[in-house]
Amino acid sequence: MSITIMEKELIAVGISVAAGCKPCTDYHLKAVRRAGASDDEVEHAIADALAVREDATRIMEDYALGRLGEAGMDNDPAGGEETVETDRMEVAVSLGAAFAVNCTSSLQRYLATAESVDISQEDIEKIVKLAAFIRDKAASHVENLVGLDEEEMA
């Protein structure tokens, strides 16, 4: 099943929120409205993305503290609960958000779930390309804010 325009924009809203990009969030909120998404659908995408972002923070906290030798900390946390999501849009948004926040643990979990909720390899590639584009745009907004350009970053 191919991703519809509305689904793409719901995923883009989630990725934009997870990446922390206000201009991208504004752009994709307008686009998702034009595509016909309801308030509930948009709010669900935002909540899914924020859950991934929060999970990524917890995973890295556990990982870093574990590397310091903190008692009871796992050196390589698996990331999140072991429950498998069954909602196609939740998995699609979460997969994009996991890529946007560089959370390999969550990304692996959503990639493993994708096929079972009818997300094809072609869909995964579209989601990842969209996430990479939005993540890069978010970074460029920050670089511009502090006065850096691409040549200075090289």
N, C-alpha and C. Protein backbone atom coordinates (compact mmCIF):
# COMPACT_ATOMS: atom_id res chain seq x y z
N MET A 1 0.85 -1.18 0.00
CA MET A 1 0.00 0.00 0.00
C MET A 1 0.89 1.24 0.00
N SER A 2 0.65 2.11 -0.91
CA SER A 2 1.45 3.33 -1.03
C SER A 2 0.96 4.39 -0.05
N ILE A 3 1.85 5.27 0.33
CA ILE A 3 1.53 6.35 1.27
C ILE A 3 0.75 7.43 0.53
N THR A 4 -0.39 7.83 1.09
CA THR A 4 -1.20 8.90 0.50
C THR A 4 -0.58 10.25 0.84
N ILE A 5 -1.06 11.29 0.18
CA ILE A 5 -0.56 12.64 0.46
C ILE A 5 -0.87 13.02 1.91
N MET A 6 -2.06 12.70 2.39
CA MET A 6 -2.40 13.04 3.77
C MET A 6 -1.49 12.29 4.74
N GLU A 7 -1.25 10.99 4.48
CA GLU A 7 -0.35 10.23 5.35
C GLU A 7 1.06 10.81 5.33
N LYS A 8 1.53 11.18 4.14
CA LYS A 8 2.87 11.78 4.02
C LYS A 8 2.96 13.04 4.88
N GLU A 9 1.93 13.85 4.84
CA GLU A 9 1.95 15.10 5.61
C GLU A 9 1.81 14.85 7.11
N LEU A 10 1.04 13.84 7.51
CA LEU A 10 0.98 13.47 8.93
C LEU A 10 2.35 13.00 9.41
N ILE A 11 3.00 12.19 8.59
CA ILE A 11 4.36 11.73 8.92
C ILE A 11 5.31 12.93 9.00
N ALA A 12 5.18 13.86 8.05
CA ALA A 12 6.06 15.04 8.03
C ALA A 12 5.84 15.92 9.26
N VAL A 13 4.59 16.05 9.71
CA VAL A 13 4.33 16.80 10.94
C VAL A 13 5.05 16.14 12.11
N GLY A 14 4.92 14.82 12.21
CA GLY A 14 5.59 14.09 13.29
C GLY A 14 7.10 14.24 13.24
N ILE A 15 7.65 14.12 12.07
CA ILE A 15 9.11 14.26 11.91
C ILE A 15 9.54 15.67 12.29
N SER A 16 8.79 16.67 11.85
CA SER A 16 9.12 18.07 12.15
C SER A 16 9.11 18.34 13.65
N VAL A 17 8.11 17.80 14.33
CA VAL A 17 8.01 17.96 15.78
C VAL A 17 9.16 17.24 16.46
N ALA A 18 9.43 16.00 16.05
CA ALA A 18 10.52 15.24 16.66
C ALA A 18 11.87 15.93 16.44
N ALA A 19 12.05 16.49 15.25
CA ALA A 19 13.31 17.18 14.94
C ALA A 19 13.41 18.54 15.60
N GLY A 20 12.31 19.02 16.16
CA GLY A 20 12.32 20.32 16.83
C GLY A 20 12.39 21.49 15.89
N CYS A 21 11.82 21.34 14.70
CA CYS A 21 11.90 22.40 13.69
C CYS A 21 10.57 23.14 13.59
N LYS A 22 10.53 24.35 14.13
CA LYS A 22 9.30 25.15 14.10
C LYS A 22 8.90 25.53 12.67
N PRO A 23 9.82 26.02 11.82
CA PRO A 23 9.41 26.35 10.44
C PRO A 23 8.87 25.12 9.69
N CYS A 24 9.49 23.98 9.88
CA CYS A 24 9.02 22.76 9.21
C CYS A 24 7.65 22.36 9.76
N THR A 25 7.47 22.47 11.07
CA THR A 25 6.18 22.14 11.69
C THR A 25 5.09 23.06 11.14
N ASP A 26 5.36 24.36 11.06
CA ASP A 26 4.38 25.29 10.51
C ASP A 26 4.01 24.92 9.08
N TYR A 27 5.01 24.66 8.26
CA TYR A 27 4.78 24.32 6.86
C TYR A 27 3.92 23.05 6.74
N HIS A 28 4.30 22.02 7.47
CA HIS A 28 3.59 20.74 7.31
C HIS A 28 2.23 20.73 8.00
N LEU A 29 2.03 21.56 9.03
CA LEU A 29 0.69 21.69 9.60
C LEU A 29 -0.28 22.30 8.58
N LYS A 30 0.18 23.29 7.83
CA LYS A 30 -0.66 23.86 6.78
C LYS A 30 -0.93 22.83 5.68
N ALA A 31 0.11 22.10 5.31
CA ALA A 31 -0.03 21.11 4.24
C ALA A 31 -0.95 19.96 4.65
N VAL A 32 -0.87 19.53 5.91
CA VAL A 32 -1.71 18.42 6.36
C VAL A 32 -3.17 18.86 6.43
N ARG A 33 -3.41 20.11 6.73
CA ARG A 33 -4.77 20.65 6.71
C ARG A 33 -5.33 20.64 5.28
N ARG A 34 -4.50 21.10 4.33
CA ARG A 34 -4.93 21.09 2.93
C ARG A 34 -5.21 19.67 2.45
N ALA A 35 -4.48 18.70 3.01
CA ALA A 35 -4.67 17.30 2.62
C ALA A 35 -5.89 16.66 3.27
N GLY A 36 -6.52 17.37 4.22
CA GLY A 36 -7.77 16.89 4.80
C GLY A 36 -7.69 16.15 6.12
N ALA A 37 -6.58 16.25 6.83
CA ALA A 37 -6.44 15.55 8.11
C ALA A 37 -7.30 16.22 9.19
N SER A 38 -7.83 15.40 10.07
CA SER A 38 -8.62 15.91 11.19
C SER A 38 -7.71 16.34 12.34
N ASP A 39 -8.27 17.09 13.29
CA ASP A 39 -7.51 17.47 14.47
C ASP A 39 -7.00 16.23 15.20
N ASP A 40 -7.84 15.22 15.34
CA ASP A 40 -7.44 13.99 16.04
C ASP A 40 -6.27 13.31 15.36
N GLU A 41 -6.29 13.25 14.04
CA GLU A 41 -5.20 12.62 13.30
C GLU A 41 -3.88 13.39 13.49
N VAL A 42 -3.96 14.70 13.44
CA VAL A 42 -2.76 15.53 13.61
C VAL A 42 -2.24 15.41 15.04
N GLU A 43 -3.14 15.49 16.00
CA GLU A 43 -2.74 15.38 17.41
C GLU A 43 -2.11 14.01 17.70
N HIS A 44 -2.64 12.98 17.07
CA HIS A 44 -2.09 11.63 17.25
C HIS A 44 -0.66 11.55 16.68
N ALA A 45 -0.45 12.13 15.51
CA ALA A 45 0.88 12.14 14.91
C ALA A 45 1.87 12.90 15.79
N ILE A 46 1.44 14.03 16.34
CA ILE A 46 2.30 14.82 17.23
C ILE A 46 2.64 14.01 18.48
N ALA A 47 1.65 13.38 19.07
CA ALA A 47 1.88 12.58 20.29
C ALA A 47 2.82 11.40 20.01
N ASP A 48 2.64 10.74 18.87
CA ASP A 48 3.52 9.62 18.52
C ASP A 48 4.96 10.09 18.37
N ALA A 49 5.15 11.22 17.70
CA ALA A 49 6.50 11.76 17.49
C ALA A 49 7.15 12.16 18.80
N LEU A 50 6.39 12.80 19.67
CA LEU A 50 6.94 13.22 20.96
C LEU A 50 7.29 12.01 21.83
N ALA A 51 6.50 10.95 21.74
CA ALA A 51 6.81 9.73 22.50
C ALA A 51 8.14 9.14 22.03
N VAL A 52 8.39 9.16 20.73
CA VAL A 52 9.66 8.65 20.20
C VAL A 52 10.81 9.55 20.67
N ARG A 53 10.62 10.85 20.61
CA ARG A 53 11.67 11.79 21.04
C ARG A 53 11.99 11.59 22.52
N GLU A 54 10.97 11.45 23.35
CA GLU A 54 11.18 11.22 24.78
C GLU A 54 11.85 9.87 25.03
N ASP A 55 11.44 8.85 24.29
CA ASP A 55 12.05 7.53 24.43
C ASP A 55 13.54 7.58 24.04
N ALA A 56 13.83 8.32 22.98
CA ALA A 56 15.23 8.46 22.54
C ALA A 56 16.08 9.12 23.62
N THR A 57 15.52 10.11 24.29
CA THR A 57 16.24 10.78 25.39
C THR A 57 16.51 9.81 26.52
N ARG A 58 15.50 9.03 26.89
CA ARG A 58 15.67 8.05 27.97
C ARG A 58 16.69 6.97 27.59
N ILE A 59 16.62 6.51 26.36
CA ILE A 59 17.56 5.48 25.89
C ILE A 59 18.99 6.00 26.00
N MET A 60 19.23 7.23 25.56
CA MET A 60 20.59 7.78 25.60
C MET A 60 21.04 8.06 27.02
N GLU A 61 20.12 8.46 27.89
CA GLU A 61 20.47 8.65 29.30
C GLU A 61 20.92 7.33 29.90
N ASP A 62 20.13 6.28 29.68
CA ASP A 62 20.49 4.95 30.18
C ASP A 62 21.82 4.47 29.60
N TYR A 63 21.99 4.71 28.32
CA TYR A 63 23.21 4.28 27.64
C TYR A 63 24.44 4.99 28.22
N ALA A 64 24.36 6.31 28.31
CA ALA A 64 25.50 7.10 28.80
C ALA A 64 25.83 6.76 30.25
N LEU A 65 24.80 6.66 31.09
CA LEU A 65 25.04 6.32 32.50
C LEU A 65 25.58 4.89 32.61
N GLY A 66 25.09 4.01 31.76
CA GLY A 66 25.59 2.64 31.76
C GLY A 66 27.07 2.58 31.39
N ARG A 67 27.46 3.42 30.45
CA ARG A 67 28.87 3.48 30.05
C ARG A 67 29.74 4.05 31.17
N LEU A 68 29.15 4.83 32.05
CA LEU A 68 29.89 5.36 33.20
C LEU A 68 30.02 4.33 34.30
N GLY A 69 29.32 3.22 34.18
CA GLY A 69 29.41 2.16 35.17
C GLY A 69 28.41 2.29 36.29
N GLU A 70 27.35 3.06 36.09
CA GLU A 70 26.32 3.19 37.11
C GLU A 70 25.71 1.83 37.39
N ALA A 71 25.55 1.51 38.66
CA ALA A 71 24.98 0.23 39.07
C ALA A 71 23.57 0.08 38.52
N GLY A 72 23.28 -1.08 37.97
CA GLY A 72 21.95 -1.39 37.48
C GLY A 72 21.63 -0.84 36.11
N MET A 73 22.55 -0.13 35.49
CA MET A 73 22.28 0.42 34.17
C MET A 73 22.78 -0.54 33.10
N ASP A 74 21.98 -0.68 32.06
CA ASP A 74 22.32 -1.52 30.92
C ASP A 74 23.25 -0.71 30.01
N ASN A 75 24.32 -1.33 29.55
CA ASN A 75 25.26 -0.63 28.67
C ASN A 75 24.74 -0.42 27.26
N ASP A 76 23.74 -1.17 26.87
CA ASP A 76 23.21 -1.04 25.52
C ASP A 76 21.70 -1.28 25.55
N PRO A 77 20.93 -0.31 26.05
CA PRO A 77 19.49 -0.52 26.19
C PRO A 77 18.83 -0.78 24.84
N ALA A 78 17.83 -1.66 24.85
CA ALA A 78 17.13 -2.02 23.61
C ALA A 78 16.21 -0.92 23.15
N GLY A 79 15.71 -0.13 24.06
CA GLY A 79 14.87 0.98 23.66
C GLY A 79 13.39 0.70 23.73
N GLY A 80 12.73 1.31 24.69
CA GLY A 80 11.29 1.24 24.78
C GLY A 80 10.76 -0.10 25.21
N GLU A 81 9.46 -0.16 25.31
CA GLU A 81 8.82 -1.40 25.67
C GLU A 81 8.90 -2.36 24.49
N GLU A 82 8.66 -3.61 24.78
CA GLU A 82 8.71 -4.61 23.73
C GLU A 82 7.39 -4.77 23.00
N THR A 83 6.41 -3.93 23.31
CA THR A 83 5.13 -4.04 22.62
C THR A 83 5.30 -3.66 21.16
N VAL A 84 4.51 -4.30 20.32
CA VAL A 84 4.57 -4.03 18.90
C VAL A 84 3.32 -3.25 18.52
N GLU A 85 3.51 -2.08 17.93
CA GLU A 85 2.39 -1.27 17.51
C GLU A 85 1.68 -1.95 16.35
N THR A 86 0.36 -1.77 16.29
CA THR A 86 -0.40 -2.38 15.21
C THR A 86 -1.07 -1.34 14.33
N ASP A 87 -0.90 -0.07 14.64
CA ASP A 87 -1.49 1.01 13.86
C ASP A 87 -0.48 1.47 12.81
N ARG A 88 -0.87 1.41 11.56
CA ARG A 88 0.02 1.73 10.44
C ARG A 88 0.58 3.15 10.56
N MET A 89 -0.28 4.13 10.83
CA MET A 89 0.20 5.51 10.90
C MET A 89 1.11 5.73 12.10
N GLU A 90 0.81 5.10 13.22
CA GLU A 90 1.68 5.23 14.39
C GLU A 90 3.09 4.72 14.07
N VAL A 91 3.15 3.59 13.41
CA VAL A 91 4.46 3.03 13.05
C VAL A 91 5.16 3.93 12.04
N ALA A 92 4.42 4.43 11.04
CA ALA A 92 5.03 5.28 10.02
C ALA A 92 5.57 6.58 10.62
N VAL A 93 4.76 7.24 11.44
CA VAL A 93 5.20 8.48 12.09
C VAL A 93 6.38 8.20 13.01
N SER A 94 6.29 7.15 13.78
CA SER A 94 7.34 6.81 14.75
C SER A 94 8.64 6.44 14.05
N LEU A 95 8.54 5.76 12.93
CA LEU A 95 9.73 5.41 12.16
C LEU A 95 10.44 6.68 11.68
N GLY A 96 9.67 7.61 11.13
CA GLY A 96 10.26 8.88 10.68
C GLY A 96 10.84 9.68 11.83
N ALA A 97 10.13 9.71 12.95
CA ALA A 97 10.62 10.45 14.12
C ALA A 97 11.89 9.82 14.67
N ALA A 98 11.95 8.50 14.70
CA ALA A 98 13.15 7.81 15.20
C ALA A 98 14.36 8.15 14.33
N PHE A 99 14.16 8.20 13.03
CA PHE A 99 15.25 8.59 12.13
C PHE A 99 15.65 10.04 12.38
N ALA A 100 14.66 10.92 12.54
CA ALA A 100 14.94 12.34 12.73
C ALA A 100 15.73 12.63 13.99
N VAL A 101 15.53 11.82 15.04
CA VAL A 101 16.25 12.05 16.30
C VAL A 101 17.43 11.10 16.47
N ASN A 102 17.78 10.38 15.41
CA ASN A 102 18.94 9.49 15.40
C ASN A 102 18.88 8.40 16.46
N CYS A 103 17.69 7.86 16.70
CA CYS A 103 17.53 6.82 17.70
C CYS A 103 17.52 5.44 17.03
N THR A 104 18.69 4.83 16.97
CA THR A 104 18.79 3.54 16.28
C THR A 104 17.99 2.44 16.97
N SER A 105 17.90 2.48 18.28
CA SER A 105 17.12 1.47 19.01
C SER A 105 15.65 1.51 18.60
N SER A 106 15.07 2.70 18.60
CA SER A 106 13.67 2.84 18.20
C SER A 106 13.50 2.56 16.71
N LEU A 107 14.44 3.03 15.91
CA LEU A 107 14.36 2.80 14.47
C LEU A 107 14.32 1.31 14.16
N GLN A 108 15.17 0.54 14.82
CA GLN A 108 15.17 -0.92 14.60
C GLN A 108 13.83 -1.53 14.97
N ARG A 109 13.24 -1.07 16.08
CA ARG A 109 11.95 -1.60 16.52
C ARG A 109 10.86 -1.31 15.49
N TYR A 110 10.81 -0.09 14.96
CA TYR A 110 9.77 0.27 13.99
C TYR A 110 10.02 -0.37 12.63
N LEU A 111 11.27 -0.53 12.25
CA LEU A 111 11.56 -1.23 11.00
C LEU A 111 11.09 -2.68 11.08
N ALA A 112 11.29 -3.30 12.24
CA ALA A 112 10.87 -4.69 12.42
C ALA A 112 9.35 -4.83 12.40
N THR A 113 8.64 -3.78 12.74
CA THR A 113 7.18 -3.81 12.80
C THR A 113 6.54 -3.40 11.47
N ALA A 114 7.26 -2.68 10.64
CA ALA A 114 6.70 -2.05 9.44
C ALA A 114 5.94 -3.02 8.54
N GLU A 115 6.53 -4.11 8.20
CA GLU A 115 5.89 -5.04 7.26
C GLU A 115 4.56 -5.56 7.80
N SER A 116 4.49 -5.80 9.11
CA SER A 116 3.26 -6.35 9.69
C SER A 116 2.09 -5.37 9.67
N VAL A 117 2.37 -4.08 9.45
CA VAL A 117 1.30 -3.09 9.36
C VAL A 117 1.18 -2.52 7.95
N ASP A 118 1.67 -3.27 6.99
CA ASP A 118 1.52 -2.94 5.56
C ASP A 118 2.31 -1.70 5.14
N ILE A 119 3.51 -1.55 5.69
CA ILE A 119 4.43 -0.50 5.24
C ILE A 119 5.52 -1.21 4.44
N SER A 120 5.55 -0.93 3.14
CA SER A 120 6.49 -1.60 2.24
C SER A 120 7.89 -1.02 2.34
N GLN A 121 8.83 -1.69 1.75
CA GLN A 121 10.20 -1.18 1.70
C GLN A 121 10.24 0.15 0.95
N GLU A 122 9.43 0.27 -0.08
CA GLU A 122 9.34 1.53 -0.83
C GLU A 122 8.82 2.65 0.07
N ASP A 123 7.80 2.34 0.89
CA ASP A 123 7.27 3.32 1.85
C ASP A 123 8.34 3.72 2.87
N ILE A 124 9.08 2.73 3.37
CA ILE A 124 10.15 3.01 4.34
C ILE A 124 11.17 3.96 3.73
N GLU A 125 11.54 3.72 2.48
CA GLU A 125 12.51 4.59 1.82
C GLU A 125 11.97 6.01 1.69
N LYS A 126 10.68 6.16 1.37
CA LYS A 126 10.07 7.49 1.28
C LYS A 126 10.08 8.19 2.63
N ILE A 127 9.74 7.45 3.68
CA ILE A 127 9.70 8.02 5.03
C ILE A 127 11.11 8.46 5.46
N VAL A 128 12.09 7.63 5.21
CA VAL A 128 13.47 7.94 5.60
C VAL A 128 13.99 9.15 4.81
N LYS A 129 13.70 9.22 3.52
CA LYS A 129 14.13 10.38 2.73
C LYS A 129 13.46 11.66 3.24
N LEU A 130 12.19 11.58 3.57
CA LEU A 130 11.48 12.73 4.12
C LEU A 130 12.09 13.13 5.46
N ALA A 131 12.37 12.16 6.30
CA ALA A 131 12.96 12.45 7.62
C ALA A 131 14.34 13.07 7.47
N ALA A 132 15.14 12.56 6.54
CA ALA A 132 16.48 13.12 6.32
C ALA A 132 16.39 14.57 5.84
N PHE A 133 15.45 14.82 4.94
CA PHE A 133 15.27 16.18 4.41
C PHE A 133 14.87 17.15 5.53
N ILE A 134 13.88 16.75 6.32
CA ILE A 134 13.40 17.63 7.40
C ILE A 134 14.47 17.81 8.47
N ARG A 135 15.17 16.73 8.83
CA ARG A 135 16.25 16.84 9.83
C ARG A 135 17.33 17.80 9.34
N ASP A 136 17.68 17.71 8.06
CA ASP A 136 18.69 18.61 7.50
C ASP A 136 18.21 20.05 7.46
N LYS A 137 16.93 20.25 7.13
CA LYS A 137 16.36 21.60 7.14
C LYS A 137 16.38 22.18 8.55
N ALA A 138 16.04 21.35 9.53
CA ALA A 138 16.05 21.81 10.93
C ALA A 138 17.46 22.26 11.31
N ALA A 139 18.45 21.47 10.94
CA ALA A 139 19.84 21.83 11.25
C ALA A 139 20.24 23.12 10.53
N SER A 140 19.80 23.30 9.30
CA SER A 140 20.18 24.51 8.57
C SER A 140 19.54 25.75 9.19
N HIS A 141 18.33 25.62 9.73
CA HIS A 141 17.71 26.77 10.40
C HIS A 141 18.54 27.18 11.62
N VAL A 142 19.04 26.21 12.37
CA VAL A 142 19.86 26.49 13.55
C VAL A 142 21.19 27.11 13.13
N GLU A 143 21.80 26.54 12.08
CA GLU A 143 23.08 27.07 11.60
C GLU A 143 22.92 28.53 11.14
N ASN A 144 21.82 28.81 10.46
CA ASN A 144 21.58 30.18 10.02
C ASN A 144 21.37 31.12 11.20
N LEU A 145 20.71 30.62 12.22
CA LEU A 145 20.45 31.43 13.41
C LEU A 145 21.74 31.89 14.08
N VAL A 146 22.75 31.02 14.09
CA VAL A 146 24.02 31.39 14.72
C VAL A 146 25.01 31.96 13.72
N GLY A 147 24.59 32.13 12.47
CA GLY A 147 25.42 32.78 11.47
C GLY A 147 26.44 31.90 10.79
N LEU A 148 26.22 30.59 10.78
CA LEU A 148 27.13 29.69 10.09
C LEU A 148 26.58 29.40 8.69
N ASP A 149 27.50 29.20 7.76
CA ASP A 149 27.07 28.75 6.45
C ASP A 149 27.76 27.42 6.15
N GLU A 150 27.38 26.80 5.04
CA GLU A 150 27.90 25.48 4.71
C GLU A 150 29.42 25.45 4.59
N GLU A 151 30.01 26.48 4.03
CA GLU A 151 31.46 26.51 3.86
C GLU A 151 32.18 26.52 5.19
N GLU A 152 31.63 27.23 6.18
CA GLU A 152 32.24 27.28 7.51
C GLU A 152 32.10 25.95 8.23
N MET A 153 31.08 25.16 7.88
CA MET A 153 30.83 23.88 8.55
C MET A 153 31.75 22.79 8.03
N ALA A 154 32.32 22.96 6.86
CA ALA A 154 33.16 21.92 6.25
C ALA A 154 34.52 21.82 6.89
